């Protein structure tokens, strides 16, 4: 499950243009994101693109998805099954995937106070400011059983990373957020940059709105609202809803 960056599993909690640069796994200035056919999607990851001049991992400071270690964000939403709560914690832990040092974000979900999912998500930011998603390890709990379905790691069993947040999102931009055949195929599209929303945590202007979906779950669509300097503040699940998840609290380090 991932909420800060957005996927369909969180709500359950959750333009084609030029292809990726052949010399880099990142979208450099001037390149445009694209949703390529699955057979053509093959991002080339250069670990140096995710490091500063001293070989240290770059901080994740994208204005729409800042991931500062020690920060926690709480979300709540009323579903047909009751109150769902999601706690996202940006940890100080890291995981090296494809030579890239990723920040580990832990997401836990409760339904009516009962823990139903515990996930570790892995993110890294490139030198152009794009935030990449390198996979997740997820445990879902139901009736005493534990399922790790949906877990994947870039570079393992054909899984490939994707961009979860663009450095310079523009309306119409569309992109793959991940790719693991038949398991993780989320996609995103930029809808607008000027939305205003009010949630329990506060009022926000100039929000980025994205549409997210996956061909693995036809009809499942979400709109996500990302406030500058804060990150994800609101999710609207459009299928079978509406179901709304909103930011209710932020604890800074």
C-alpha atoms as a PDB file:
ATOM      1  CA  UNK A   1       0.000   0.000   0.000  1.00  0.00           C
ATOM      2  CA  UNK A   2       1.189   3.512  -0.696  1.00  0.00           C
ATOM      3  CA  UNK A   3      -0.699   6.688  -0.020  1.00  0.00           C
ATOM      4  CA  UNK A   4       1.791   9.555  -0.035  1.00  0.00           C
ATOM      5  CA  UNK A   5       2.574   8.858  -3.614  1.00  0.00           C
ATOM      6  CA  UNK A   6      -0.591   7.205  -4.623  1.00  0.00           C
ATOM      7  CA  UNK A   7      -1.831   3.818  -5.875  1.00  0.00           C
ATOM      8  CA  UNK A   8      -5.123   2.010  -6.178  1.00  0.00           C
ATOM      9  CA  UNK A   9      -4.243  -0.331  -3.329  1.00  0.00           C
ATOM     10  CA  UNK A  10      -4.334   2.524  -0.864  1.00  0.00           C
ATOM     11  CA  UNK A  11      -7.927   3.347  -1.593  1.00  0.00           C
ATOM     12  CA  UNK A  12      -8.745  -0.299  -1.609  1.00  0.00           C
ATOM     13  CA  UNK A  13      -7.085   1.406   0.864  1.00  0.00           C
ATOM     14  CA  UNK A  14      -5.625   3.254  -2.943  1.00  0.00           C
ATOM     15  CA  UNK A  15      -0.573  12.484 -24.531  1.00  0.00           C
ATOM     16  CA  UNK A  16       1.743  10.020 -25.418  1.00  0.00           C
ATOM     17  CA  UNK A  17       5.037  11.746 -25.955  1.00  0.00           C
ATOM     18  CA  UNK A  18       8.705  10.909 -26.312  1.00  0.00           C
ATOM     19  CA  UNK A  19       9.959   7.779 -24.580  1.00  0.00           C
ATOM     20  CA  UNK A  20      12.554   7.655 -21.839  1.00  0.00           C
ATOM     21  CA  UNK A  21      15.938   9.017 -22.792  1.00  0.00           C
ATOM     22  CA  UNK A  22      18.034   6.085 -24.033  1.00  0.00           C
ATOM     23  CA  UNK A  23      20.983   7.335 -21.997  1.00  0.00           C
ATOM     24  CA  UNK A  24      19.204   7.684 -18.695  1.00  0.00           C
ATOM     25  CA  UNK A  25      16.395   6.269 -16.631  1.00  0.00           C
ATOM     26  CA  UNK A  26      15.356   9.792 -15.639  1.00  0.00           C
ATOM     27  CA  UNK A  27      13.309  12.373 -17.471  1.00  0.00           C
ATOM     28  CA  UNK A  28      15.835  15.125 -18.160  1.00  0.00           C
ATOM     29  CA  UNK A  29      14.850  18.717 -18.778  1.00  0.00           C
ATOM     30  CA  UNK A  30      13.124  18.944 -22.135  1.00  0.00           C
ATOM     31  CA  UNK A  31      12.035  15.298 -22.210  1.00  0.00           C
ATOM     32  CA  UNK A  32       8.351  14.460 -21.899  1.00  0.00           C
ATOM     33  CA  UNK A  33       6.905  11.526 -19.942  1.00  0.00           C
ATOM     34  CA  UNK A  34       5.019   8.817 -21.778  1.00  0.00           C
ATOM     35  CA  UNK A  35       2.960   5.723 -21.171  1.00  0.00           C
ATOM     36  CA  UNK A  36       4.705   3.221 -23.368  1.00  0.00           C
ATOM     37  CA  UNK A  37       3.395  -0.182 -24.289  1.00  0.00           C
ATOM     38  CA  UNK A  38       4.372  -2.795 -21.733  1.00  0.00           C
ATOM     39  CA  UNK A  39       6.696  -4.524 -24.191  1.00  0.00           C
ATOM     40  CA  UNK A  40       8.475  -1.238 -24.921  1.00  0.00           C
ATOM     41  CA  UNK A  41       8.740   0.027 -21.360  1.00  0.00           C
ATOM     42  CA  UNK A  42      12.344  -0.387 -20.255  1.00  0.00           C
ATOM     43  CA  UNK A  43      13.684   2.510 -18.147  1.00  0.00           C
ATOM     44  CA  UNK A  44      17.464   2.565 -17.827  1.00  0.00           C
ATOM     45  CA  UNK A  45      18.477   3.404 -14.267  1.00  0.00           C
ATOM     46  CA  UNK A  46      21.826   5.143 -13.780  1.00  0.00           C
ATOM     47  CA  UNK A  47      22.592   5.302 -10.024  1.00  0.00           C
ATOM     48  CA  UNK A  48      24.677   8.472 -10.533  1.00  0.00           C
ATOM     49  CA  UNK A  49      21.479  10.272 -11.582  1.00  0.00           C
ATOM     50  CA  UNK A  50      20.201   9.809  -8.020  1.00  0.00           C
ATOM     51  CA  UNK A  51      23.310  11.085  -6.226  1.00  0.00           C
ATOM     52  CA  UNK A  52      24.947  14.419  -5.482  1.00  0.00           C
ATOM     53  CA  UNK A  53      28.523  15.219  -6.440  1.00  0.00           C
ATOM     54  CA  UNK A  54      29.781  13.345  -3.383  1.00  0.00           C
ATOM     55  CA  UNK A  55      27.987  10.106  -4.142  1.00  0.00           C
ATOM     56  CA  UNK A  56      25.281  10.687  -1.522  1.00  0.00           C
ATOM     57  CA  UNK A  57      21.605  10.017  -2.282  1.00  0.00           C
ATOM     58  CA  UNK A  58      19.665  13.135  -3.201  1.00  0.00           C
ATOM     59  CA  UNK A  59      16.987  14.284  -0.755  1.00  0.00           C
ATOM     60  CA  UNK A  60      13.393  13.833  -1.870  1.00  0.00           C
ATOM     61  CA  UNK A  61      12.309  17.461  -1.931  1.00  0.00           C
ATOM     62  CA  UNK A  62       9.913  17.545  -4.892  1.00  0.00           C
ATOM     63  CA  UNK A  63       7.396  20.247  -3.911  1.00  0.00           C
ATOM     64  CA  UNK A  64       4.432  17.924  -4.449  1.00  0.00           C
ATOM     65  CA  UNK A  65       5.990  14.961  -2.671  1.00  0.00           C
ATOM     66  CA  UNK A  66       8.532  16.013  -0.046  1.00  0.00           C
ATOM     67  CA  UNK A  67       9.671  12.976   1.944  1.00  0.00           C
ATOM     68  CA  UNK A  68      11.578  14.261   4.960  1.00  0.00           C
ATOM     69  CA  UNK A  69      12.746  11.454   7.271  1.00  0.00           C
ATOM     70  CA  UNK A  70      10.948  11.602  10.596  1.00  0.00           C
ATOM     71  CA  UNK A  71       7.728  13.000   9.108  1.00  0.00           C
ATOM     72  CA  UNK A  72       4.422  11.192   9.595  1.00  0.00           C
ATOM     73  CA  UNK A  73       1.081  11.861   7.936  1.00  0.00           C
ATOM     74  CA  UNK A  74      -2.316  10.522   9.003  1.00  0.00           C
ATOM     75  CA  UNK A  75      -5.236  10.047   6.609  1.00  0.00           C
ATOM     76  CA  UNK A  76      -8.837   9.025   7.282  1.00  0.00           C
ATOM     77  CA  UNK A  77     -11.744   7.970   5.118  1.00  0.00           C
ATOM     78  CA  UNK A  78     -15.230   6.555   5.591  1.00  0.00           C
ATOM     79  CA  UNK A  79     -15.861   3.434   3.511  1.00  0.00           C
ATOM     80  CA  UNK A  80     -18.750   1.006   3.292  1.00  0.00           C
ATOM     81  CA  UNK A  81     -16.849  -1.168   5.775  1.00  0.00           C
ATOM     82  CA  UNK A  82     -16.264   1.623   8.267  1.00  0.00           C
ATOM     83  CA  UNK A  83     -13.532   4.100   9.199  1.00  0.00           C
ATOM     84  CA  UNK A  84     -10.187   3.498   7.514  1.00  0.00           C
ATOM     85  CA  UNK A  85      -7.046   5.174   8.856  1.00  0.00           C
ATOM     86  CA  UNK A  86      -3.665   5.246   7.140  1.00  0.00           C
ATOM     87  CA  UNK A  87      -0.436   6.347   8.789  1.00  0.00           C
ATOM     88  CA  UNK A  88       2.492   7.147   6.476  1.00  0.00           C
ATOM     89  CA  UNK A  89       5.907   7.392   8.165  1.00  0.00           C
ATOM     90  CA  UNK A  90       9.005   8.578   6.292  1.00  0.00           C
ATOM     91  CA  UNK A  91      11.676   6.517   7.995  1.00  0.00           C
ATOM     92  CA  UNK A  92      15.418   7.078   8.271  1.00  0.00           C
ATOM     93  CA  UNK A  93      15.938   3.642   6.744  1.00  0.00           C
ATOM     94  CA  UNK A  94      17.202   3.098   3.214  1.00  0.00           C
ATOM     95  CA  UNK A  95      17.266   0.216   0.757  1.00  0.00           C
ATOM     96  CA  UNK A  96      19.570  -0.116  -2.248  1.00  0.00           C
ATOM     97  CA  UNK A  97      17.738  -1.219  -5.390  1.00  0.00           C
ATOM     98  CA  UNK A  98      19.396  -1.339  -8.818  1.00  0.00           C
ATOM     99  CA  UNK A  99      22.300   0.548  -7.255  1.00  0.00           C
ATOM    100  CA  UNK A 100      20.025   3.396  -6.111  1.00  0.00           C
ATOM    101  CA  UNK A 101      19.674   4.253  -2.414  1.00  0.00           C
ATOM    102  CA  UNK A 102      15.946   4.522  -1.758  1.00  0.00           C
ATOM    103  CA  UNK A 103      14.098   6.113   1.146  1.00  0.00           C
ATOM    104  CA  UNK A 104      11.842   3.673   3.000  1.00  0.00           C
ATOM    105  CA  UNK A 105       8.307   4.859   3.766  1.00  0.00           C
ATOM    106  CA  UNK A 106       6.170   2.717   6.054  1.00  0.00           C
ATOM    107  CA  UNK A 107       2.389   2.747   5.564  1.00  0.00           C
ATOM    108  CA  UNK A 108      -0.035   1.097   7.963  1.00  0.00           C
ATOM    109  CA  UNK A 109      -3.787   0.832   7.500  1.00  0.00           C
ATOM    110  CA  UNK A 110      -6.484   0.202  10.096  1.00  0.00           C
ATOM    111  CA  UNK A 111     -10.159  -0.593   9.564  1.00  0.00           C
ATOM    112  CA  UNK A 112     -12.265   0.239  12.586  1.00  0.00           C
ATOM    113  CA  UNK A 113      -9.101   0.157  14.691  1.00  0.00           C
ATOM    114  CA  UNK A 114      -7.867  -3.230  13.430  1.00  0.00           C
ATOM    115  CA  UNK A 115      -4.565  -3.360  11.544  1.00  0.00           C
ATOM    116  CA  UNK A 116      -5.234  -4.654   8.032  1.00  0.00           C
ATOM    117  CA  UNK A 117      -2.066  -3.802   6.111  1.00  0.00           C
ATOM    118  CA  UNK A 118       1.589  -2.958   6.759  1.00  0.00           C
ATOM    119  CA  UNK A 119       3.743  -1.851   3.810  1.00  0.00           C
ATOM    120  CA  UNK A 120       7.270  -0.636   3.113  1.00  0.00           C
ATOM    121  CA  UNK A 121       7.554   1.519  -0.022  1.00  0.00           C
ATOM    122  CA  UNK A 122      10.841   2.520  -1.678  1.00  0.00           C
ATOM    123  CA  UNK A 123      11.399   5.920  -3.333  1.00  0.00           C
ATOM    124  CA  UNK A 124      14.293   7.940  -4.736  1.00  0.00           C
ATOM    125  CA  UNK A 125      14.598  11.311  -6.458  1.00  0.00           C
ATOM    126  CA  UNK A 126      16.719  11.913  -9.541  1.00  0.00           C
ATOM    127  CA  UNK A 127      18.818  14.992 -10.278  1.00  0.00           C
ATOM    128  CA  UNK A 128      16.009  16.509 -12.358  1.00  0.00           C
ATOM    129  CA  UNK A 129      13.563  16.339  -9.458  1.00  0.00           C
ATOM    130  CA  UNK A 130      11.449  13.341 -10.506  1.00  0.00           C
ATOM    131  CA  UNK A 131      10.507  10.946  -7.705  1.00  0.00           C
ATOM    132  CA  UNK A 132      10.811   7.280  -8.696  1.00  0.00           C
ATOM    133  CA  UNK A 133       9.008   4.313  -7.201  1.00  0.00           C
ATOM    134  CA  UNK A 134      11.193   1.203  -6.862  1.00  0.00           C
ATOM    135  CA  UNK A 135       8.703  -1.178  -5.271  1.00  0.00           C
ATOM    136  CA  UNK A 136       7.065  -2.272  -2.059  1.00  0.00           C
ATOM    137  CA  UNK A 137       6.827  -5.083   0.441  1.00  0.00           C
ATOM    138  CA  UNK A 138       3.271  -5.381   1.696  1.00  0.00           C
ATOM    139  CA  UNK A 139       1.556  -7.620   4.222  1.00  0.00           C
ATOM    140  CA  UNK A 140      -2.239  -7.727   4.326  1.00  0.00           C
ATOM    141  CA  UNK A 141      -4.021  -9.320   7.295  1.00  0.00           C
ATOM    142  CA  UNK A 142      -7.432 -10.967   7.189  1.00  0.00           C
ATOM    143  CA  UNK A 143      -8.951 -13.653   9.387  1.00  0.00           C
ATOM    144  CA  UNK A 144      -5.559 -14.586  10.772  1.00  0.00           C
ATOM    145  CA  UNK A 145      -4.013 -14.990   7.317  1.00  0.00           C
ATOM    146  CA  UNK A 146      -1.132 -12.929   5.917  1.00  0.00           C
ATOM    147  CA  UNK A 147      -0.841 -12.134   2.206  1.00  0.00           C
ATOM    148  CA  UNK A 148       2.115 -10.480   0.470  1.00  0.00           C
ATOM    149  CA  UNK A 149       0.295 -10.229  -2.869  1.00  0.00           C
ATOM    150  CA  UNK A 150       1.227  -7.060  -4.734  1.00  0.00           C
ATOM    151  CA  UNK A 151       4.756  -6.898  -3.345  1.00  0.00           C
ATOM    152  CA  UNK A 152       7.452  -6.257  -5.933  1.00  0.00           C
ATOM    153  CA  UNK A 153      10.991  -4.934  -6.283  1.00  0.00           C
ATOM    154  CA  UNK A 154      12.505  -3.284  -9.337  1.00  0.00           C
ATOM    155  CA  UNK A 155      15.014  -5.578 -11.006  1.00  0.00           C
ATOM    156  CA  UNK A 156      13.483  -8.753  -9.556  1.00  0.00           C
ATOM    157  CA  UNK A 157      11.480 -11.112 -11.769  1.00  0.00           C
ATOM    158  CA  UNK A 158      11.191  -8.514 -14.516  1.00  0.00           C
ATOM    159  CA  UNK A 159       9.758  -5.737 -12.336  1.00  0.00           C
ATOM    160  CA  UNK A 160      10.600  -2.173 -13.411  1.00  0.00           C
ATOM    161  CA  UNK A 161      10.517   1.146 -11.555  1.00  0.00           C
ATOM    162  CA  UNK A 162       8.403   4.093 -12.596  1.00  0.00           C
ATOM    163  CA  UNK A 163       7.955   7.764 -11.799  1.00  0.00           C
ATOM    164  CA  UNK A 164       5.497   8.467  -9.019  1.00  0.00           C
ATOM    165  CA  UNK A 165       5.855  12.272  -9.131  1.00  0.00           C
ATOM    166  CA  UNK A 166       7.146  14.375 -12.014  1.00  0.00           C
ATOM    167  CA  UNK A 167       9.597  17.195 -11.430  1.00  0.00           C
ATOM    168  CA  UNK A 168       7.587  19.592 -13.575  1.00  0.00           C
ATOM    169  CA  UNK A 169       4.097  18.168 -14.009  1.00  0.00           C
ATOM    170  CA  UNK A 170       1.995  19.742 -16.724  1.00  0.00           C
ATOM    171  CA  UNK A 171      -1.650  19.042 -17.628  1.00  0.00           C
ATOM    172  CA  UNK A 172      -1.831  16.150 -20.057  1.00  0.00           C
ATOM    173  CA  UNK A 173       1.422  14.495 -18.966  1.00  0.00           C
ATOM    174  CA  UNK A 174       0.872  10.745 -18.579  1.00  0.00           C
ATOM    175  CA  UNK A 175       3.341   8.193 -17.219  1.00  0.00           C
ATOM    176  CA  UNK A 176       3.907   4.733 -15.783  1.00  0.00           C
ATOM    177  CA  UNK A 177       4.343   4.658 -12.017  1.00  0.00           C
ATOM    178  CA  UNK A 178       5.489   1.034 -11.875  1.00  0.00           C
ATOM    179  CA  UNK A 179       5.547  -2.143 -13.894  1.00  0.00           C
ATOM    180  CA  UNK A 180       5.410  -5.722 -12.689  1.00  0.00           C
ATOM    181  CA  UNK A 181       3.337  -7.770 -15.090  1.00  0.00           C
ATOM    182  CA  UNK A 182      -0.075  -8.752 -13.744  1.00  0.00           C
ATOM    183  CA  UNK A 183       0.844  -7.491 -10.264  1.00  0.00           C
ATOM    184  CA  UNK A 184       1.677  -3.769 -10.361  1.00  0.00           C
ATOM    185  CA  UNK A 185       0.833  -1.669 -13.414  1.00  0.00           C
ATOM    186  CA  UNK A 186      -0.305   1.694 -12.031  1.00  0.00           C
ATOM    187  CA  UNK A 187      -0.357   4.741 -14.299  1.00  0.00           C
ATOM    188  CA  UNK A 188      -0.828   8.458 -13.727  1.00  0.00           C
ATOM    189  CA  UNK A 189      -1.913  11.547 -15.633  1.00  0.00           C
ATOM    190  CA  UNK A 190      -1.698  15.227 -14.692  1.00  0.00           C
ATOM    191  CA  UNK A 191      -5.106  16.938 -14.784  1.00  0.00           C
ATOM    192  CA  UNK A 192      -4.527  20.420 -13.355  1.00  0.00           C
ATOM    193  CA  UNK A 193      -2.235  22.566 -11.211  1.00  0.00           C
ATOM    194  CA  UNK A 194      -4.598  25.107  -9.673  1.00  0.00           C
ATOM    195  CA  UNK A 195      -7.068  23.219  -7.508  1.00  0.00           C
ATOM    196  CA  UNK A 196      -8.192  24.452  -4.086  1.00  0.00           C
ATOM    197  CA  UNK A 197      -9.243  21.947  -1.441  1.00  0.00           C
ATOM    198  CA  UNK A 198     -10.248  21.943   2.210  1.00  0.00           C
ATOM    199  CA  UNK A 199      -9.467  18.952   4.410  1.00  0.00           C
ATOM    200  CA  UNK A 200      -9.371  18.323   8.139  1.00  0.00           C
ATOM    201  CA  UNK A 201      -5.737  19.400   8.302  1.00  0.00           C
ATOM    202  CA  UNK A 202      -6.296  22.742   6.536  1.00  0.00           C
ATOM    203  CA  UNK A 203      -7.049  24.648   3.338  1.00  0.00           C
ATOM    204  CA  UNK A 204      -4.757  24.421   0.316  1.00  0.00           C
ATOM    205  CA  UNK A 205      -4.484  26.294  -2.988  1.00  0.00           C
ATOM    206  CA  UNK A 206      -2.505  25.643  -6.179  1.00  0.00           C
ATOM    207  CA  UNK A 207      -2.823  21.904  -5.739  1.00  0.00           C
ATOM    208  CA  UNK A 208      -1.686  19.420  -8.364  1.00  0.00           C
ATOM    209  CA  UNK A 209      -4.469  17.012  -9.345  1.00  0.00           C
ATOM    210  CA  UNK A 210      -3.570  13.631 -10.827  1.00  0.00           C
ATOM    211  CA  UNK A 211      -5.652  10.787 -12.172  1.00  0.00           C
ATOM    212  CA  UNK A 212      -4.426   7.283 -11.315  1.00  0.00           C
ATOM    213  CA  UNK A 213      -5.583   3.930 -12.633  1.00  0.00           C
ATOM    214  CA  UNK A 214      -4.434   0.419 -13.504  1.00  0.00           C
ATOM    215  CA  UNK A 215      -5.464  -1.922 -16.327  1.00  0.00           C
ATOM    216  CA  UNK A 216      -5.467  -4.706 -13.739  1.00  0.00           C
ATOM    217  CA  UNK A 217      -8.608  -3.219 -12.160  1.00  0.00           C
ATOM    218  CA  UNK A 218     -10.718  -1.754 -14.993  1.00  0.00           C
ATOM    219  CA  UNK A 219     -12.951   1.055 -13.807  1.00  0.00           C
ATOM    220  CA  UNK A 220     -10.947   1.772 -10.656  1.00  0.00           C
ATOM    221  CA  UNK A 221      -9.981   5.458 -10.895  1.00  0.00           C
ATOM    222  CA  UNK A 222      -8.692   7.928  -8.303  1.00  0.00           C
ATOM    223  CA  UNK A 223      -8.096  11.646  -8.310  1.00  0.00           C
ATOM    224  CA  UNK A 224      -5.333  12.770  -5.960  1.00  0.00           C
ATOM    225  CA  UNK A 225      -4.667  16.302  -4.743  1.00  0.00           C
ATOM    226  CA  UNK A 226      -1.088  17.258  -3.859  1.00  0.00           C
ATOM    227  CA  UNK A 227      -0.400  20.539  -2.047  1.00  0.00           C
ATOM    228  CA  UNK A 228       2.925  22.338  -2.616  1.00  0.00           C
ATOM    229  CA  UNK A 229       5.277  21.825   0.307  1.00  0.00           C
ATOM    230  CA  UNK A 230       3.004  19.260   1.947  1.00  0.00           C
ATOM    231  CA  UNK A 231       2.319  16.397  -0.446  1.00  0.00           C
ATOM    232  CA  UNK A 232      -0.842  14.329  -0.793  1.00  0.00           C
ATOM    233  CA  UNK A 233      -3.789  15.927   1.023  1.00  0.00           C
ATOM    234  CA  UNK A 234      -6.880  14.342  -0.562  1.00  0.00           C
ATOM    235  CA  UNK A 235      -7.921  11.234  -2.509  1.00  0.00           C
ATOM    236  CA  UNK A 236     -11.243  10.809  -4.253  1.00  0.00           C
ATOM    237  CA  UNK A 237     -12.071   7.261  -5.317  1.00  0.00           C
ATOM    238  CA  UNK A 238     -14.411   7.576  -8.274  1.00  0.00           C
ATOM    239  CA  UNK A 239     -15.496   3.963  -8.676  1.00  0.00           C
ATOM    240  CA  UNK A 240     -18.298   2.701  -6.482  1.00  0.00           C
ATOM    241  CA  UNK A 241     -18.127   5.808  -4.329  1.00  0.00           C
ATOM    242  CA  UNK A 242     -17.408   8.435  -3.873  1.00  0.00           C
ATOM    243  CA  UNK A 243     -14.968   7.490  -1.138  1.00  0.00           C
ATOM    244  CA  UNK A 244     -12.771  10.289   0.151  1.00  0.00           C
ATOM    245  CA  UNK A 245      -9.540  10.022   2.126  1.00  0.00           C
ATOM    246  CA  UNK A 246      -8.195  13.243   3.592  1.00  0.00           C
ATOM    247  CA  UNK A 247      -5.143  14.392   5.493  1.00  0.00           C
ATOM    248  CA  UNK A 248      -5.979  14.883   9.162  1.00  0.00           C
ATOM    249  CA  UNK A 249      -2.577  15.381  10.789  1.00  0.00           C
ATOM    250  CA  UNK A 250       1.124  15.890  10.061  1.00  0.00           C
ATOM    251  CA  UNK A 251       3.933  15.432  12.548  1.00  0.00           C
ATOM    252  CA  UNK A 252       7.243  16.991  11.497  1.00  0.00           C
ATOM    253  CA  UNK A 253      10.623  15.698  12.704  1.00  0.00           C
END
